[in-house]
Amino acid sequence: MSNQNFIDYVKINGKSGRGGPGSHSYFRDNLNAKGGPDGGNGGHGGSIILRGNSQLWTLLHLKFKRHIKCADGAPGKKKHMTGKSGKHEIIEVPLGTVAKHPETFEVLGEITEDGQEIVLLKGGLGGLGNANFKSATNQTPRYAQPGQPGKEEWFILELKVLADVGLVGLPNAGKSTLLSVVSAAKPEIADYAFTTLTPNLGIVKYREYKSFVMADIPGIIEGASEGKGLGHRFLRHIERNAALLFMIPADSVDINAEYKILLSELKKFNEELMYKQRILAITKSDMMDDELEAAMREDIDVDCEFIFISAVSGKNITQLKDKLWEMMQD
């Protein structure tokens, strides 16, 4: 999927339907000139509903749909007939979509399963007809309820990529290259920073017909938790990953310092990310011999397991898959 077609943020104005008024009616026929009240209830207004769709991977279909309006409920009718309810407007979204209030950023709901539904804006209730107000002391009520008004609000839809493993690293750490090797995904690869501008998903085949989903997410930079670079657009996708694969190239000036930068940005954004299982992959290790690798092992000081890999030569790729699979099972 091209960068232009991956939309992970939209702002939409929604308006639910107004409830129909209750009917103010009395029963009349050839035998009854003054029958009792028979006014029916008004129909309910249509609601705006989010529904999960596992076949969708982006919010692209909502990019130009800025206003969504539901139908009003129909008025009640005589002979105790209830008015027709307004049609609901169903917004289908990919799994991992979060609805938020545009000002308070309060989470209104989160879609995680196919077919799951969340009512964003409930339609107004229909008014009661005059038949509902008949009593022993009021045999012919001369009033009925109006319908309740609908609601009109703006809300934000954000997509957080659902994946088993998220790749975390500075620009040009080799994330896209690894994904292209272990899966059928074809992310853009080049020798300049921010080649990847949107998340790329790939299905990684594992032993005995097993598989897991890996996400190549835009490179992090120092200050990303404060909105620098791709900032929060990048970091929110990390929240939905079961495990994190930190990636730092072997030719980095200081592997320990780079690891601390990545860890610090994740912690500043969301401290709960510190509880996710993680492993460090030293990429592009095909450029060095065994003696240099042994020396680097002595210098690396991180709080997680690390492994030297090369996506180009295939070095330790199978072992990396084994470790990731074990982490996901835990």
Foldseek 3Di string as FASTA:
>chain_A
DDPVQAAFKDKAKEWWAWWAWWAQAADDDPVDHGHFTFIAWWAWTAFEKEFEAQVDDHPNVCRPVRYYYWYYTHYTDGNRRYTHYIHYHYDYDYAQKWKAAPPVRHTQDHHHDHGDMDTPWTTWHTKGYCVVVDDPVRRHDRDIGGTGGTDIGMMMIGGADAWAEEEAAAFPLCLQLLQVLQFVWRQDDDDDAFSDDAKDKGWGAAPPRDITIYIYFHYDDQCLLVPPDVRPSGLSNLVNYQAYEYGHEPPDPAPQVRVVSRVVSNCSNPVVSVVHHYEYEHEPVVVDDPVVVVVVVVVDDDDHHYYYAYSVVGRCSNVVVVVSVVSSVD
